[in-house]
Amino acid sequence: MQKEYQAILEMPVTKLGIKTDQHVLKGIDFLPLDTAILAPCTAIAEGVCQQLQCYLEDSSFVFDLPLQLTGTAFQQQVWHAIGDVPAGQTQSYAMLAAKIGSVARAVGQACGANPIPLIIPCHRIVAQYGVGGFSHQTAGTMLTIKQWLLWHEGLADFVG
């Protein structure tokens, strides 16, 4: 598993598998807590890990990383709109959908397909009445991660 990552970083509720090429961040995967840590093996992976550490220390940290996003035009439109939601705030799937002229279910699907969670903060997009899903999951570990991220950003109302 470690060969596909250029770094594996520990967080309180998960480990993050960092995927890069020579110059850009391509993906972040949530990995089981028992996954071995992997020190960054490229300069870009080192920069990603440094910025993620800054976020862990200060949830209002603003990421500034070169990204390579692979997705449909619609997914990229949603991911761009997600970036406008600041730390410590949420927006419902329906509100985001209205902003871009779509529907909540399509926005939710695009959120679930986000290849770079945390950097593109899809955890800030929630259901109209509750936390909603995360990474195409509505229970279990992924929901725990979303709740922790919201709690980390000062939004304790979403923690179950």
Protein backbone atom coordinates (compact mmCIF):
# COMPACT_ATOMS: atom_id res chain seq x y z
CA MET A 1 0.00 0.00 0.00
CA GLN A 2 2.76 2.45 0.88
CA LYS A 3 4.20 2.41 -2.65
CA GLU A 4 1.24 4.37 -4.01
CA TYR A 5 1.78 7.15 -1.44
CA GLN A 6 4.57 9.67 -1.16
CA ALA A 7 3.76 10.19 2.53
CA ILE A 8 1.41 8.83 5.18
CA LEU A 9 0.53 11.31 7.91
CA GLU A 10 -1.14 10.62 11.24
CA MET A 11 -4.27 12.46 12.36
CA PRO A 12 -6.30 11.87 15.54
CA VAL A 13 -8.98 9.74 13.83
CA THR A 14 -7.27 8.45 10.68
CA LYS A 15 -4.06 8.38 8.69
CA LEU A 16 -3.76 10.34 5.46
CA GLY A 17 -2.21 8.79 2.38
CA ILE A 18 -0.68 11.59 0.30
CA LYS A 19 -0.45 11.11 -3.47
CA THR A 20 1.71 13.49 -5.49
CA ASP A 21 3.69 13.66 -8.65
CA GLN A 22 6.80 15.80 -8.98
CA HIS A 23 4.98 19.13 -8.66
CA VAL A 24 1.36 18.73 -7.54
CA LEU A 25 -0.90 17.10 -4.98
CA LYS A 26 -3.07 14.53 -6.75
CA GLY A 27 -4.95 12.87 -3.91
CA ILE A 28 -5.47 12.28 -0.23
CA ASP A 29 -6.90 8.99 1.04
CA PHE A 30 -8.21 8.23 4.52
CA LEU A 31 -6.42 5.14 5.78
CA PRO A 32 -6.90 2.89 8.83
CA LEU A 33 -5.27 4.02 12.05
CA ASP A 34 -3.01 0.96 12.07
CA THR A 35 -1.41 1.97 8.75
CA ALA A 36 2.32 2.63 9.13
CA ILE A 37 3.50 6.21 8.89
CA LEU A 38 5.60 7.06 5.85
CA ALA A 39 7.89 10.08 5.92
CA PRO A 40 7.51 12.35 2.88
CA CYS A 41 9.72 11.13 0.04
CA THR A 42 9.37 14.16 -2.28
CA ALA A 43 9.54 17.91 -1.80
CA ILE A 44 5.88 18.37 -2.71
CA ALA A 45 4.83 15.64 -0.26
CA GLU A 46 6.86 17.39 2.44
CA GLY A 47 5.05 20.66 1.68
CA VAL A 48 1.66 18.93 1.79
CA CYS A 49 2.48 17.36 5.16
CA GLN A 50 3.71 20.69 6.55
CA GLN A 51 0.48 22.44 5.51
CA LEU A 52 -1.67 19.61 6.89
CA GLN A 53 0.21 19.91 10.20
CA CYS A 54 -0.53 23.66 10.18
CA TYR A 55 -4.23 22.85 9.70
CA LEU A 56 -4.12 20.39 12.59
CA GLU A 57 -2.63 23.10 14.80
CA ASP A 58 -4.96 25.86 13.54
CA SER A 59 -8.20 24.90 11.78
CA SER A 60 -8.39 28.33 10.12
CA PHE A 61 -5.16 27.66 8.21
CA VAL A 62 -5.60 28.36 4.48
CA PHE A 63 -3.95 25.80 2.20
CA ASP A 64 -1.80 26.99 -0.67
CA LEU A 65 -0.79 23.91 -2.63
CA PRO A 66 -0.51 23.13 -6.32
CA LEU A 67 -3.31 20.68 -7.14
CA GLN A 68 -4.11 18.34 -9.99
CA LEU A 69 -7.84 17.66 -9.95
CA THR A 70 -9.17 14.87 -12.11
CA GLY A 71 -12.93 14.92 -12.49
CA THR A 72 -15.79 15.99 -14.69
CA ALA A 73 -16.48 19.65 -15.40
CA PHE A 74 -19.43 19.47 -12.98
CA GLN A 75 -17.34 17.89 -10.21
CA GLN A 76 -14.70 20.56 -10.64
CA GLN A 77 -17.37 23.26 -10.47
CA VAL A 78 -18.61 21.81 -7.18
CA TRP A 79 -15.08 21.44 -5.78
CA HIS A 80 -14.31 25.05 -6.66
CA ALA A 81 -17.51 26.22 -4.93
CA ILE A 82 -16.65 24.16 -1.83
CA GLY A 83 -13.42 26.12 -1.57
CA ASP A 84 -15.46 29.27 -0.87
CA VAL A 85 -16.82 27.85 2.42
CA PRO A 86 -14.44 29.04 5.16
CA ALA A 87 -13.28 27.01 8.15
CA GLY A 88 -15.77 27.05 10.99
CA GLN A 89 -18.74 27.37 8.65
CA THR A 90 -20.93 24.91 6.81
CA GLN A 91 -23.23 25.03 3.85
CA SER A 92 -25.95 22.57 2.97
CA TYR A 93 -25.83 20.45 -0.15
CA ALA A 94 -29.02 22.24 -1.27
CA MET A 95 -27.57 25.73 -0.72
CA LEU A 96 -24.44 24.87 -2.66
CA ALA A 97 -26.55 23.31 -5.41
CA ALA A 98 -28.67 26.47 -5.67
CA LYS A 99 -25.52 28.59 -6.03
CA ILE A 100 -24.29 26.58 -8.99
CA GLY A 101 -27.66 25.78 -10.56
CA SER A 102 -27.82 22.12 -9.67
CA VAL A 103 -29.51 19.75 -7.22
CA ALA A 104 -28.41 18.57 -3.78
CA ARG A 105 -27.98 14.91 -4.72
CA ALA A 106 -25.60 15.77 -7.57
CA VAL A 107 -23.59 18.03 -5.28
CA GLY A 108 -23.41 15.21 -2.72
CA GLN A 109 -22.11 12.82 -5.36
CA ALA A 110 -19.44 15.32 -6.41
CA CYS A 111 -18.46 15.83 -2.76
CA GLY A 112 -18.07 12.09 -2.36
CA ALA A 113 -15.80 11.96 -5.40
CA ASN A 114 -13.49 14.69 -4.08
CA PRO A 115 -9.93 13.38 -4.59
CA ILE A 116 -8.34 15.87 -2.19
CA PRO A 117 -10.44 16.05 0.99
CA LEU A 118 -9.34 18.53 3.66
CA ILE A 119 -7.68 20.72 1.02
CA ILE A 120 -11.02 20.88 -0.79
CA PRO A 121 -13.08 20.94 2.42
CA CYS A 122 -16.08 18.81 1.45
CA HIS A 123 -16.57 18.04 5.15
CA ARG A 124 -18.06 21.56 5.43
CA ILE A 125 -20.95 20.57 3.15
CA VAL A 126 -23.71 19.08 5.27
CA ALA A 127 -27.29 17.91 5.03
CA GLN A 128 -30.08 20.38 5.65
CA TYR A 129 -30.82 18.69 8.99
CA GLY A 130 -27.64 17.02 10.18
CA VAL A 131 -24.16 16.07 9.16
CA GLY A 132 -24.98 14.16 5.97
CA GLY A 133 -22.51 11.71 4.47
CA PHE A 134 -18.81 11.71 3.74
CA SER A 135 -16.90 10.01 0.95
CA HIS A 136 -20.06 8.19 -0.18
CA GLN A 137 -20.62 6.83 3.36
CA THR A 138 -23.35 7.73 5.84
CA ALA A 139 -22.06 5.79 8.85
CA GLY A 140 -18.92 4.29 10.30
CA THR A 141 -15.36 5.52 10.10
CA MET A 142 -15.90 8.07 7.34
CA LEU A 143 -18.69 9.78 9.26
CA THR A 144 -16.49 9.80 12.39
CA ILE A 145 -13.76 11.54 10.37
CA LYS A 146 -16.21 14.16 9.07
CA GLN A 147 -17.54 14.81 12.57
CA TRP A 148 -14.01 15.15 13.92
CA LEU A 149 -13.09 17.63 11.18
CA LEU A 150 -16.20 19.71 11.93
CA TRP A 151 -15.44 19.54 15.67
CA HIS A 152 -11.83 20.59 14.96
CA GLU A 153 -13.19 23.64 13.17
CA GLY A 154 -15.39 24.56 16.14
CA LEU A 155 -18.65 23.05 14.92
CA ALA A 156 -19.50 20.75 17.82
CA ASP A 157 -23.22 20.70 16.87
CA PHE A 158 -22.44 18.06 14.24
CA VAL A 159 -20.71 15.64 16.59
CA GLY A 160 -22.94 12.72 17.51
